[in-house]
N, C-alpha and C. Protein backbone atom coordinates (compact mmCIF):
# COMPACT_ATOMS: atom_id res chain seq x y z
N UNK A 1 -8.13 13.40 -7.51
CA UNK A 1 -8.19 13.83 -8.98
C UNK A 1 -9.38 13.51 -10.17
N UNK A 2 -8.53 12.09 -9.78
CA UNK A 2 -10.22 11.20 -11.19
C UNK A 2 -11.47 11.18 -10.38
N UNK A 3 -11.56 11.82 -9.38
CA UNK A 3 -12.36 12.28 -8.92
C UNK A 3 -13.35 13.13 -9.25
N UNK A 4 -12.59 14.63 -8.96
CA UNK A 4 -12.76 15.40 -9.45
C UNK A 4 -12.84 15.71 -11.25
N UNK A 5 -12.18 15.13 -11.58
CA UNK A 5 -12.58 15.18 -13.02
C UNK A 5 -14.24 14.39 -13.12
N UNK A 6 -13.68 13.38 -12.69
CA UNK A 6 -15.58 12.42 -13.07
C UNK A 6 -16.31 13.52 -13.21
N UNK A 7 -17.05 14.12 -11.31
CA UNK A 7 -17.53 14.55 -11.76
C UNK A 7 -18.34 16.32 -12.57
N UNK A 8 -16.53 16.65 -12.78
CA UNK A 8 -16.63 17.75 -13.24
C UNK A 8 -17.37 17.40 -15.67
N UNK A 9 -16.58 15.91 -15.30
CA UNK A 9 -17.54 15.42 -16.42
C UNK A 9 -18.56 15.40 -16.81
N UNK A 10 -18.96 14.75 -15.92
CA UNK A 10 -20.57 14.95 -16.01
C UNK A 10 -21.00 16.14 -15.75
N UNK A 11 -21.16 17.20 -15.02
CA UNK A 11 -21.44 18.32 -15.23
C UNK A 11 -21.81 18.60 -16.18
N UNK A 12 -20.51 18.99 -17.35
CA UNK A 12 -20.09 19.36 -18.31
C UNK A 12 -21.05 18.43 -19.79
N UNK A 13 -21.94 17.07 -19.71
CA UNK A 13 -22.69 16.54 -20.34
C UNK A 13 -23.48 17.54 -19.43
N UNK A 14 -23.97 17.54 -18.54
CA UNK A 14 -25.13 17.50 -18.11
C UNK A 14 -26.00 19.17 -18.11
N UNK A 15 -24.79 20.17 -18.60
CA UNK A 15 -25.29 20.94 -19.46
C UNK A 15 -25.88 21.10 -20.63
N UNK A 16 -24.93 20.41 -20.93
CA UNK A 16 -24.91 20.08 -22.97
C UNK A 16 -26.31 20.10 -23.33
N UNK A 17 -26.90 18.77 -23.14
CA UNK A 17 -28.38 18.08 -23.06
C UNK A 17 -29.67 18.36 -21.84
N UNK A 18 -29.15 20.03 -21.33
CA UNK A 18 -30.24 20.22 -20.71
C UNK A 18 -31.41 21.22 -21.13
N UNK A 19 -32.15 21.49 -20.30
CA UNK A 19 -32.71 22.77 -21.68
C UNK A 19 -32.86 23.65 -20.62
N UNK A 20 -32.90 24.70 -22.06
CA UNK A 20 -32.49 25.70 -21.62
C UNK A 20 -33.00 26.64 -19.82
N UNK A 21 -33.77 26.43 -19.30
CA UNK A 21 -34.57 27.06 -18.67
C UNK A 21 -33.49 26.45 -17.19
N UNK A 22 -32.84 24.73 -16.88
CA UNK A 22 -32.41 24.05 -16.07
C UNK A 22 -30.49 24.90 -16.81
N UNK A 23 -30.29 25.48 -16.60
CA UNK A 23 -28.53 25.96 -16.47
C UNK A 23 -27.20 26.41 -15.32
N UNK A 24 -28.20 26.35 -14.22
CA UNK A 24 -27.59 26.20 -13.67
C UNK A 24 -26.46 25.07 -13.17
N UNK A 25 -24.83 25.61 -12.96
CA UNK A 25 -24.20 23.84 -12.62
C UNK A 25 -24.33 23.33 -11.81
N UNK A 26 -24.22 21.78 -11.99
CA UNK A 26 -24.74 20.78 -9.83
C UNK A 26 -23.49 21.82 -9.66
N UNK A 27 -24.06 22.11 -7.95
CA UNK A 27 -22.89 21.84 -7.06
C UNK A 27 -21.51 21.48 -7.31
N UNK A 28 -20.63 21.30 -6.91
CA UNK A 28 -19.20 20.49 -7.11
C UNK A 28 -19.41 20.07 -5.88
N UNK A 29 -19.33 17.92 -6.25
CA UNK A 29 -18.79 17.44 -5.23
C UNK A 29 -17.95 17.39 -4.13
N UNK A 30 -18.10 17.10 -3.05
CA UNK A 30 -17.07 17.52 -1.02
C UNK A 30 -16.57 16.35 -1.48
N UNK A 31 -14.88 16.52 -1.74
CA UNK A 31 -14.36 15.64 -1.66
C UNK A 31 -14.34 14.40 -0.40
N UNK A 32 -13.82 13.29 -0.20
CA UNK A 32 -13.37 12.70 1.14
C UNK A 32 -12.51 13.04 1.79
N UNK A 33 -12.93 13.26 3.02
CA UNK A 33 -11.92 14.23 4.50
C UNK A 33 -10.74 13.23 4.11
N UNK A 34 -9.76 13.73 3.83
CA UNK A 34 -8.64 13.53 4.27
C UNK A 34 -8.35 13.21 5.95
N UNK A 35 -7.25 11.82 5.91
CA UNK A 35 -6.56 11.59 7.29
C UNK A 35 -6.33 12.51 7.08
N UNK A 36 -6.71 12.84 9.49
CA UNK A 36 -5.43 14.04 9.48
C UNK A 36 -3.92 13.20 10.15
N UNK A 37 -2.97 14.20 9.77
CA UNK A 37 -1.18 13.77 9.51
C UNK A 37 -1.24 14.37 10.66
N UNK A 38 -0.04 13.54 12.00
CA UNK A 38 0.05 13.24 12.51
C UNK A 38 1.56 13.14 12.56
N UNK A 39 2.10 14.30 13.08
CA UNK A 39 4.13 14.56 13.39
C UNK A 39 4.01 13.02 14.62
N UNK A 40 5.74 12.82 14.23
CA UNK A 40 5.78 12.24 14.74
C UNK A 40 7.78 12.70 15.51
N UNK A 41 7.24 12.73 17.04
CA UNK A 41 8.77 14.17 17.36
C UNK A 41 8.95 12.24 18.22
N UNK A 42 10.33 11.94 17.72
CA UNK A 42 10.75 11.28 18.74
C UNK A 42 12.68 11.77 19.71
N UNK A 43 11.74 11.83 20.97
CA UNK A 43 12.69 11.84 22.48
C UNK A 43 14.77 11.11 22.00
N UNK A 44 15.11 11.81 22.01
CA UNK A 44 16.45 11.37 22.46
C UNK A 44 16.46 11.44 23.56
N UNK A 45 15.86 9.75 24.74
CA UNK A 45 17.34 10.79 25.80
C UNK A 45 18.29 10.07 26.05
N UNK A 46 18.80 9.04 25.85
CA UNK A 46 20.57 8.79 26.65
C UNK A 46 21.23 8.53 25.24
N UNK A 47 21.89 9.00 25.67
CA UNK A 47 23.58 8.99 23.83
C UNK A 47 24.59 8.68 25.30
N UNK A 48 25.48 7.15 24.54
CA UNK A 48 26.53 7.25 24.87
C UNK A 48 28.11 6.70 24.37
N UNK A 49 28.70 7.03 24.08
CA UNK A 49 29.57 6.25 23.51
C UNK A 49 31.05 4.74 23.95
N UNK A 50 30.82 4.13 23.29
CA UNK A 50 31.99 3.02 23.93
C UNK A 50 33.00 2.94 22.74
N UNK A 51 34.32 3.86 23.13
CA UNK A 51 35.61 4.84 22.57
C UNK A 51 36.56 2.82 22.43
N UNK A 52 37.80 2.65 21.76
CA UNK A 52 38.63 2.16 21.66
C UNK A 52 39.10 2.16 22.24
N UNK A 53 39.97 3.29 22.90
CA UNK A 53 40.08 3.25 24.38
C UNK A 53 40.46 5.30 24.67
N UNK A 54 40.27 6.02 25.42
CA UNK A 54 41.00 6.64 25.96
C UNK A 54 38.94 7.30 25.87
N UNK A 55 39.39 8.68 26.05
CA UNK A 55 37.42 9.12 26.46
C UNK A 55 36.80 10.10 25.36
N UNK A 56 35.57 10.06 24.57
CA UNK A 56 35.01 11.14 23.60
C UNK A 56 34.60 12.10 24.38
N UNK A 57 34.53 13.34 24.11
CA UNK A 57 33.30 14.20 24.44
C UNK A 57 32.29 14.69 24.26
N UNK A 58 31.58 14.49 24.62
CA UNK A 58 29.62 14.48 24.64
C UNK A 58 29.22 15.49 23.24
N UNK A 59 29.95 16.45 23.30
CA UNK A 59 29.33 17.12 22.06
C UNK A 59 29.98 16.90 20.44
N UNK A 60 31.15 15.99 20.56
CA UNK A 60 31.56 14.69 19.32
C UNK A 60 29.76 13.76 18.82
N UNK A 61 29.41 13.58 20.19
CA UNK A 61 28.36 12.39 19.75
C UNK A 61 26.78 13.14 18.98
N UNK A 62 26.54 14.51 19.50
CA UNK A 62 25.88 15.34 19.18
C UNK A 62 25.33 14.87 17.49
N UNK A 63 25.64 15.81 16.94
CA UNK A 63 25.77 15.26 15.59
C UNK A 63 24.81 13.79 14.33
N UNK A 64 26.24 13.18 15.91
CA UNK A 64 25.53 11.83 14.62
C UNK A 64 24.25 11.24 16.21
N UNK A 65 24.01 12.26 17.06
CA UNK A 65 23.37 11.18 17.49
C UNK A 65 21.13 11.82 16.91
N UNK A 66 21.93 13.57 16.61
CA UNK A 66 20.88 13.65 16.22
C UNK A 66 20.09 13.88 14.37
N UNK A 67 21.36 12.91 13.69
CA UNK A 67 21.12 11.80 12.65
C UNK A 67 20.65 10.44 12.31
N UNK A 68 21.32 9.69 13.41
CA UNK A 68 20.47 8.73 14.02
C UNK A 68 18.69 9.04 14.44
N UNK A 69 19.05 9.20 15.49
CA UNK A 69 17.15 10.43 16.01
C UNK A 69 16.33 10.70 14.33
N UNK A 70 16.81 10.71 13.55
CA UNK A 70 16.34 11.13 12.30
C UNK A 70 15.90 10.17 11.40
N UNK A 71 16.89 9.25 11.79
CA UNK A 71 16.86 7.94 11.02
C UNK A 71 15.58 7.09 11.56
N UNK A 72 15.63 7.29 12.76
CA UNK A 72 14.14 6.28 13.10
C UNK A 72 12.81 7.17 12.82
N UNK A 73 12.69 8.38 13.36
CA UNK A 73 11.42 9.63 13.09
C UNK A 73 11.43 9.31 11.54
N UNK A 74 11.80 9.06 10.51
CA UNK A 74 11.53 8.66 9.05
C UNK A 74 10.51 7.68 9.25
N UNK A 75 11.78 6.69 10.39
CA UNK A 75 11.67 4.97 9.57
C UNK A 75 9.91 4.58 10.22
N UNK A 76 9.90 4.83 11.80
CA UNK A 76 8.68 4.96 12.17
C UNK A 76 7.68 5.95 11.53
N UNK A 77 7.71 6.87 10.82
CA UNK A 77 7.24 7.82 10.38
C UNK A 77 6.21 6.69 9.08
N UNK A 78 7.09 5.94 8.08
CA UNK A 78 7.39 5.73 6.91
C UNK A 78 5.91 4.70 7.18
N UNK A 79 6.86 3.28 8.76
CA UNK A 79 6.21 2.05 9.05
C UNK A 79 4.72 2.24 9.64
N UNK A 80 4.58 3.29 10.68
CA UNK A 80 3.27 3.28 11.70
C UNK A 80 2.39 5.36 11.42
N UNK A 81 2.77 5.49 11.44
CA UNK A 81 2.66 7.05 11.94
C UNK A 81 1.77 7.81 10.40
N UNK A 82 2.56 8.07 9.59
CA UNK A 82 2.03 8.87 8.04
C UNK A 82 1.61 7.83 7.11
N UNK A 83 -0.46 7.66 6.54
CA UNK A 83 -0.81 7.22 5.84
C UNK A 83 -0.06 7.33 4.36
N UNK A 84 0.19 7.99 4.33
CA UNK A 84 0.73 8.19 2.83
C UNK A 84 1.64 7.30 2.08
N UNK A 85 2.71 7.02 3.05
CA UNK A 85 4.24 5.77 3.16
C UNK A 85 3.24 5.13 3.60
N UNK A 86 2.43 4.65 3.49
CA UNK A 86 1.98 2.77 4.18
C UNK A 86 2.14 1.83 2.35
N UNK A 87 0.98 3.04 1.48
CA UNK A 87 0.67 2.03 -0.06
C UNK A 87 0.35 0.72 0.17
N UNK A 88 -1.21 0.29 0.85
CA UNK A 88 -1.47 -0.59 1.14
C UNK A 88 -0.98 -1.72 2.09
N UNK A 89 -0.02 -1.50 3.00
CA UNK A 89 0.95 -2.27 3.83
C UNK A 89 1.83 -2.52 2.78
N UNK A 90 2.02 -2.17 1.65
CA UNK A 90 2.99 -1.99 0.84
C UNK A 90 4.64 -1.89 1.78
N UNK A 91 4.67 -0.06 2.11
CA UNK A 91 5.63 0.43 2.59
C UNK A 91 6.66 0.39 2.35
N UNK A 92 6.82 1.14 0.73
CA UNK A 92 8.03 0.25 0.36
C UNK A 92 9.38 1.58 0.98
N UNK A 93 9.08 2.80 1.43
CA UNK A 93 9.76 3.79 2.09
C UNK A 93 10.62 2.77 3.26
N UNK A 94 10.24 2.13 3.75
CA UNK A 94 10.85 1.75 4.55
C UNK A 94 13.03 1.15 4.94
N UNK A 95 12.34 0.56 3.03
CA UNK A 95 14.11 -0.28 2.85
C UNK A 95 14.89 0.64 2.65
N UNK A 96 14.45 1.87 2.57
CA UNK A 96 15.78 2.83 2.26
C UNK A 96 16.20 2.63 3.31
N UNK A 97 15.96 3.00 4.98
CA UNK A 97 16.59 2.38 5.28
C UNK A 97 17.04 1.52 6.29
N UNK A 98 18.01 0.73 5.72
CA UNK A 98 18.26 -0.83 5.90
C UNK A 98 19.11 -1.05 5.21
N UNK A 99 20.39 -1.52 5.93
CA UNK A 99 21.75 -2.51 4.52
C UNK A 99 21.20 -2.80 3.63
N UNK A 100 22.31 -3.03 2.66
CA UNK A 100 21.11 -3.65 1.77
C UNK A 100 20.97 -5.46 1.76
N UNK A 101 22.66 -5.46 2.26
CA UNK A 101 22.20 -7.56 3.30
C UNK A 101 21.03 -7.04 3.69
N UNK A 102 20.21 -6.86 4.48
CA UNK A 102 18.79 -6.37 5.20
C UNK A 102 18.41 -6.60 4.53
N UNK A 103 18.17 -6.19 3.69
CA UNK A 103 16.61 -5.35 2.92
C UNK A 103 15.98 -6.99 2.92
N UNK A 104 16.66 -7.64 2.19
CA UNK A 104 15.77 -8.80 2.32
C UNK A 104 15.25 -9.32 3.66
N UNK A 105 15.84 -9.76 4.40
CA UNK A 105 14.74 -10.18 5.68
C UNK A 105 14.63 -9.16 6.30
N UNK A 106 14.79 -7.72 6.70
CA UNK A 106 13.19 -6.73 6.51
C UNK A 106 12.21 -6.85 5.76
N UNK A 107 11.90 -7.14 4.25
CA UNK A 107 11.03 -7.94 3.88
C UNK A 107 10.20 -8.95 4.40
N UNK A 108 10.88 -9.92 4.87
CA UNK A 108 10.47 -11.50 5.08
C UNK A 108 9.50 -10.37 6.60
N UNK A 109 10.11 -9.52 6.82
CA UNK A 109 9.21 -9.61 8.88
C UNK A 109 8.21 -8.30 8.51
N UNK A 110 8.44 -7.63 6.91
CA UNK A 110 7.80 -6.68 7.11
C UNK A 110 6.57 -6.26 8.10
N UNK A 111 5.85 -7.47 8.32
CA UNK A 111 4.69 -7.67 9.70
C UNK A 111 5.56 -7.14 11.12
N UNK A 112 6.49 -7.91 10.91
CA UNK A 112 6.43 -7.37 12.77
C UNK A 112 7.77 -5.61 12.02
N UNK A 113 7.84 -5.00 11.37
CA UNK A 113 8.07 -3.92 11.56
C UNK A 113 8.01 -2.53 11.37
N UNK A 114 6.31 -2.63 11.23
CA UNK A 114 5.70 -2.37 10.44
C UNK A 114 3.81 -2.09 11.18
N UNK A 115 3.34 -1.43 11.11
CA UNK A 115 1.88 -2.08 11.51
C UNK A 115 1.52 -2.94 10.11
N UNK A 116 1.69 -3.76 9.36
CA UNK A 116 1.27 -4.68 8.29
C UNK A 116 0.14 -4.90 7.93
N UNK A 117 -0.82 -5.80 7.38
CA UNK A 117 -1.25 -5.89 6.58
C UNK A 117 -3.04 -5.07 7.20
N UNK A 118 -2.60 -4.59 8.48
CA UNK A 118 -3.96 -4.02 9.81
C UNK A 118 -3.62 -2.46 9.05
N UNK A 119 -3.20 -2.31 8.53
CA UNK A 119 -2.81 -0.97 7.60
C UNK A 119 -3.73 -0.56 6.42
N UNK A 120 -4.35 -1.76 5.75
CA UNK A 120 -5.51 -1.76 5.41
C UNK A 120 -6.95 -1.65 5.29
N UNK A 121 -6.59 -1.09 7.03
CA UNK A 121 -8.02 -1.82 8.30
C UNK A 121 -8.15 0.34 9.53
N UNK A 122 -6.72 0.51 8.61
CA UNK A 122 -6.52 1.90 9.66
C UNK A 122 -6.34 3.21 9.20
N UNK A 123 -6.57 4.12 9.50
CA UNK A 123 -7.12 5.73 8.47
C UNK A 123 -6.07 6.33 8.90
N UNK A 124 -5.41 6.69 10.43
CA UNK A 124 -4.31 7.23 11.76
C UNK A 124 -4.07 6.34 12.07
N UNK A 125 -2.62 7.35 12.64
CA UNK A 125 -2.43 6.69 13.85
C UNK A 125 -1.79 8.21 14.61
N UNK A 126 -1.83 7.84 15.16
CA UNK A 126 -1.88 8.90 16.35
C UNK A 126 -0.35 8.93 17.73
N UNK A 127 0.70 9.85 17.23
CA UNK A 127 1.37 8.88 17.99
C UNK A 127 1.15 9.59 19.38
N UNK A 128 1.58 8.41 20.36
CA UNK A 128 1.59 9.08 22.45
C UNK A 128 2.59 9.33 22.55
N UNK A 129 3.49 8.35 22.34
CA UNK A 129 5.78 8.93 22.75
C UNK A 129 6.33 7.88 22.04
N UNK A 130 7.61 8.92 22.07
CA UNK A 130 8.31 7.64 21.01
C UNK A 130 10.04 8.45 21.83
N UNK A 131 10.41 7.10 22.03
CA UNK A 131 11.13 6.87 23.34
C UNK A 131 12.72 6.59 22.38
N UNK A 132 13.94 7.30 22.29
CA UNK A 132 15.02 6.33 21.68
C UNK A 132 16.71 6.01 22.38
N UNK A 133 17.10 5.66 22.67
CA UNK A 133 18.58 5.32 23.29
C UNK A 133 19.76 4.98 22.89
N UNK A 134 20.53 5.62 22.57
CA UNK A 134 21.78 4.93 21.17
C UNK A 134 22.94 5.27 22.11
N UNK A 135 23.88 4.00 21.49
CA UNK A 135 24.81 3.77 22.22
C UNK A 135 25.93 3.78 21.16
N UNK A 136 27.43 4.80 20.81
CA UNK A 136 27.86 4.68 20.09
C UNK A 136 29.25 3.15 19.64
N UNK A 137 29.61 2.65 18.90
CA UNK A 137 31.25 2.16 19.22
C UNK A 137 32.05 3.46 18.43
N UNK A 138 32.74 3.56 18.69
CA UNK A 138 34.13 4.40 18.75
C UNK A 138 35.17 4.16 17.91
N UNK A 139 35.88 3.82 16.66
CA UNK A 139 36.73 3.91 16.34
C UNK A 139 37.87 4.48 16.14
N UNK A 140 39.25 3.76 16.02
CA UNK A 140 40.89 4.24 16.61
C UNK A 140 40.31 5.44 16.82
N UNK A 141 39.35 6.35 15.66
CA UNK A 141 40.20 8.01 15.46
C UNK A 141 39.01 8.21 15.85
N UNK A 142 38.33 7.10 16.91
CA UNK A 142 36.68 8.13 18.03
C UNK A 142 36.30 8.62 17.63
N UNK A 143 35.87 7.81 16.22
CA UNK A 143 34.44 8.64 15.47
C UNK A 143 33.80 7.88 15.12
N UNK A 144 32.10 8.16 15.34
CA UNK A 144 31.34 6.56 15.43
C UNK A 144 30.98 6.15 14.39
N UNK A 145 31.41 4.90 14.55
CA UNK A 145 31.18 3.98 13.44
C UNK A 145 30.26 2.59 13.30
N UNK A 146 29.50 2.07 14.44
CA UNK A 146 28.09 1.40 14.58
C UNK A 146 27.93 2.21 15.68
N UNK A 147 26.47 1.59 15.93
CA UNK A 147 25.41 2.19 16.86
C UNK A 147 24.27 0.90 17.40
N UNK A 148 24.21 1.07 18.02
CA UNK A 148 23.46 -0.18 18.93
C UNK A 148 22.02 1.33 19.24
N UNK A 149 20.81 0.90 18.70
CA UNK A 149 19.85 1.80 19.15
C UNK A 149 18.56 0.77 20.10
N UNK A 150 18.70 1.61 20.41
CA UNK A 150 16.83 0.48 21.81
C UNK A 150 15.50 2.26 21.37
N UNK A 151 14.48 1.66 20.86
CA UNK A 151 13.79 2.40 20.58
C UNK A 151 12.42 1.44 21.77
N UNK A 152 11.66 3.09 21.88
CA UNK A 152 10.22 2.12 22.24
C UNK A 152 9.44 3.30 21.43
N UNK A 153 8.07 2.72 21.47
CA UNK A 153 6.76 2.93 20.26
C UNK A 153 5.77 3.69 21.05
N UNK A 154 4.47 3.75 21.54
CA UNK A 154 3.70 4.11 21.34
C UNK A 154 2.73 5.02 20.07
N UNK A 155 1.55 4.54 20.15
CA UNK A 155 -0.21 5.22 19.00
C UNK A 155 -0.72 4.03 19.71
N UNK A 156 -1.66 5.64 19.27
CA UNK A 156 -3.82 4.89 19.01
C UNK A 156 -3.41 5.03 17.44
N UNK A 157 -4.54 3.67 16.71
CA UNK A 157 -4.78 3.75 15.86
C UNK A 157 -5.57 4.08 15.86
N UNK A 158 -6.58 4.87 13.88
CA UNK A 158 -8.33 4.55 14.20
C UNK A 158 -8.74 4.31 12.80
N UNK A 159 -9.28 3.21 13.85
CA UNK A 159 -9.90 2.60 12.12
C UNK A 159 -10.70 3.06 12.03
N UNK A 160 -11.45 2.37 9.90
CA UNK A 160 -12.58 3.09 9.60
C UNK A 160 -13.71 3.77 10.06
N UNK A 161 -13.76 2.90 10.86
CA UNK A 161 -15.93 3.28 11.48
C UNK A 161 -15.25 3.98 12.76
N UNK A 162 -13.84 4.27 13.24
CA UNK A 162 -14.12 5.39 14.19
C UNK A 162 -13.24 4.94 15.75
N UNK A 163 -12.91 3.32 15.87
CA UNK A 163 -12.85 2.22 16.81
C UNK A 163 -11.06 3.02 17.52
N UNK A 164 -11.02 3.13 18.45
CA UNK A 164 -9.20 3.55 18.59
C UNK A 164 -8.99 1.87 19.12
N UNK A 165 -7.94 2.09 18.61
CA UNK A 165 -6.82 1.20 19.02
C UNK A 165 -5.15 1.07 18.72
N UNK A 166 -5.10 0.79 20.50
CA UNK A 166 -4.15 0.88 20.77
C UNK A 166 -2.75 0.01 20.44
N UNK A 167 -1.87 1.22 19.79
CA UNK A 167 -0.64 0.59 19.25
C UNK A 167 0.89 0.53 20.36
N UNK A 168 2.01 -0.57 20.30
CA UNK A 168 3.21 -0.66 20.77
C UNK A 168 3.95 -0.69 20.67
N UNK A 169 5.11 -0.86 19.87
CA UNK A 169 6.40 -1.47 19.53
C UNK A 169 8.25 -0.65 19.62
N UNK A 170 8.35 -1.94 20.29
CA UNK A 170 9.87 -1.93 20.51
C UNK A 170 11.23 -2.44 19.64
N UNK A 171 11.85 -1.79 19.62
CA UNK A 171 13.03 -2.74 18.81
C UNK A 171 14.42 -2.51 19.43
N UNK A 172 15.13 -3.03 18.96
CA UNK A 172 16.44 -2.66 19.52
C UNK A 172 17.39 -3.46 18.06
N UNK A 173 18.01 -2.34 17.38
CA UNK A 173 18.79 -2.23 16.32
C UNK A 173 19.97 -1.71 16.20
N UNK A 174 20.74 -2.76 15.22
CA UNK A 174 22.40 -2.09 15.18
C UNK A 174 22.58 -2.31 13.77
N UNK A 175 23.08 -0.14 13.64
CA UNK A 175 23.25 0.17 12.51
C UNK A 175 24.59 1.18 12.42
N UNK A 176 24.84 0.76 10.79
CA UNK A 176 26.25 0.94 10.97
C UNK A 176 26.81 2.52 9.76
N UNK A 177 27.53 2.98 10.00
CA UNK A 177 27.61 4.68 9.04
C UNK A 177 28.13 3.52 7.56
N UNK A 178 27.18 3.75 6.63
CA UNK A 178 28.00 3.45 5.32
C UNK A 178 26.62 4.23 4.27
N UNK A 179 27.37 3.89 3.34
CA UNK A 179 26.66 5.01 1.79
C UNK A 179 26.81 6.98 2.71
N UNK A 180 27.23 6.74 3.37
CA UNK A 180 27.00 8.42 4.09
C UNK A 180 25.74 8.68 5.09
N UNK A 181 25.13 7.89 5.14
CA UNK A 181 24.39 7.43 5.87
C UNK A 181 23.94 5.94 7.31
N UNK A 182 23.36 6.50 8.59
CA UNK A 182 23.11 5.58 9.33
C UNK A 182 21.84 3.57 8.64
N UNK A 183 22.00 3.02 8.57
CA UNK A 183 21.37 1.71 8.05
C UNK A 183 21.24 1.35 8.29
N UNK A 184 20.63 -0.25 8.98
CA UNK A 184 20.13 -1.15 10.38
C UNK A 184 20.70 -2.16 9.15
N UNK A 185 21.86 -2.56 9.91
CA UNK A 185 22.26 -3.72 9.93
C UNK A 185 21.61 -5.02 9.68
N UNK A 186 20.88 -4.69 11.68
CA UNK A 186 19.82 -5.80 12.10
C UNK A 186 19.68 -5.58 13.13
N UNK A 187 18.69 -6.34 14.15
CA UNK A 187 17.21 -5.75 14.70
C UNK A 187 16.31 -7.04 15.35
N UNK A 188 16.12 -6.12 16.72
CA UNK A 188 15.61 -7.56 16.87
C UNK A 188 14.16 -6.81 17.16
N UNK A 189 12.70 -7.14 17.24
CA UNK A 189 11.75 -6.06 17.23
C UNK A 189 10.58 -6.42 18.25
N UNK A 190 9.42 -6.44 18.96
CA UNK A 190 8.54 -6.75 19.22
C UNK A 190 6.91 -6.01 18.90
N UNK A 191 5.81 -6.03 18.92
CA UNK A 191 4.83 -4.96 19.88
C UNK A 191 3.85 -5.41 19.30
N UNK A 192 2.64 -5.10 19.17
CA UNK A 192 1.09 -5.34 19.16
C UNK A 192 0.66 -4.47 19.14
N UNK A 193 -0.92 -4.47 18.30
CA UNK A 193 -1.98 -3.94 17.84
C UNK A 193 -3.28 -4.00 18.53
N UNK A 194 -3.72 -3.92 19.40
CA UNK A 194 -5.11 -4.43 19.51
C UNK A 194 -4.82 -4.52 21.22
N UNK A 195 -5.67 -5.13 21.38
CA UNK A 195 -5.68 -5.50 23.23
C UNK A 195 -4.02 -6.12 23.23
N UNK A 196 -3.76 -7.26 22.14
CA UNK A 196 -2.43 -7.74 22.62
C UNK A 196 -0.70 -6.69 23.67
N UNK A 197 -1.56 -5.46 22.71
CA UNK A 197 -0.39 -4.31 22.50
C UNK A 197 -0.02 -3.91 24.24
N UNK A 198 -1.23 -4.22 25.05
CA UNK A 198 -0.85 -3.37 26.11
C UNK A 198 -1.36 -4.61 27.06
N UNK A 199 -0.92 -5.82 27.05
CA UNK A 199 -0.03 -6.79 28.42
C UNK A 199 0.86 -7.13 27.70
């Protein structure tokens, strides 16, 4: 928006001071192309439950499993896929997916949970695949109260000069149902950016 306003202001000043023979407005400047926006589709592969006693029907796990899938779709979109959410490598929206007690630790491990400082040199990330396995711990009422989630993610990052760089990330997370949402309470993550991603 600032660029557009500056261009309009420049054209107005030129018209006000130009000669009568040159009154055609200058053509508008072309806006800088926006980086391509890719959508992240997380595939939910295996869903299991660990009941305190008895068994649980699979249909009772569908809604919580979908909620966990949506959590990881948004978490990884923020951390890797959507440049609009990186904010210069700060990734502020990431911490909304962590329990309050885990947010300070997540801040310390920001480079491990996201693109990290590489975000300053990347214009876009195209997801290749994202796979999620979930195992629920059920309470006495056979309702999910905690979840163990295993996430695997592969993508291609595009540097500003057009160079393609592989991205790989895997994480094992523990989530609890808090504040009406599934929030990460602990995690173990590992990933790579560039040649080491393929090792």
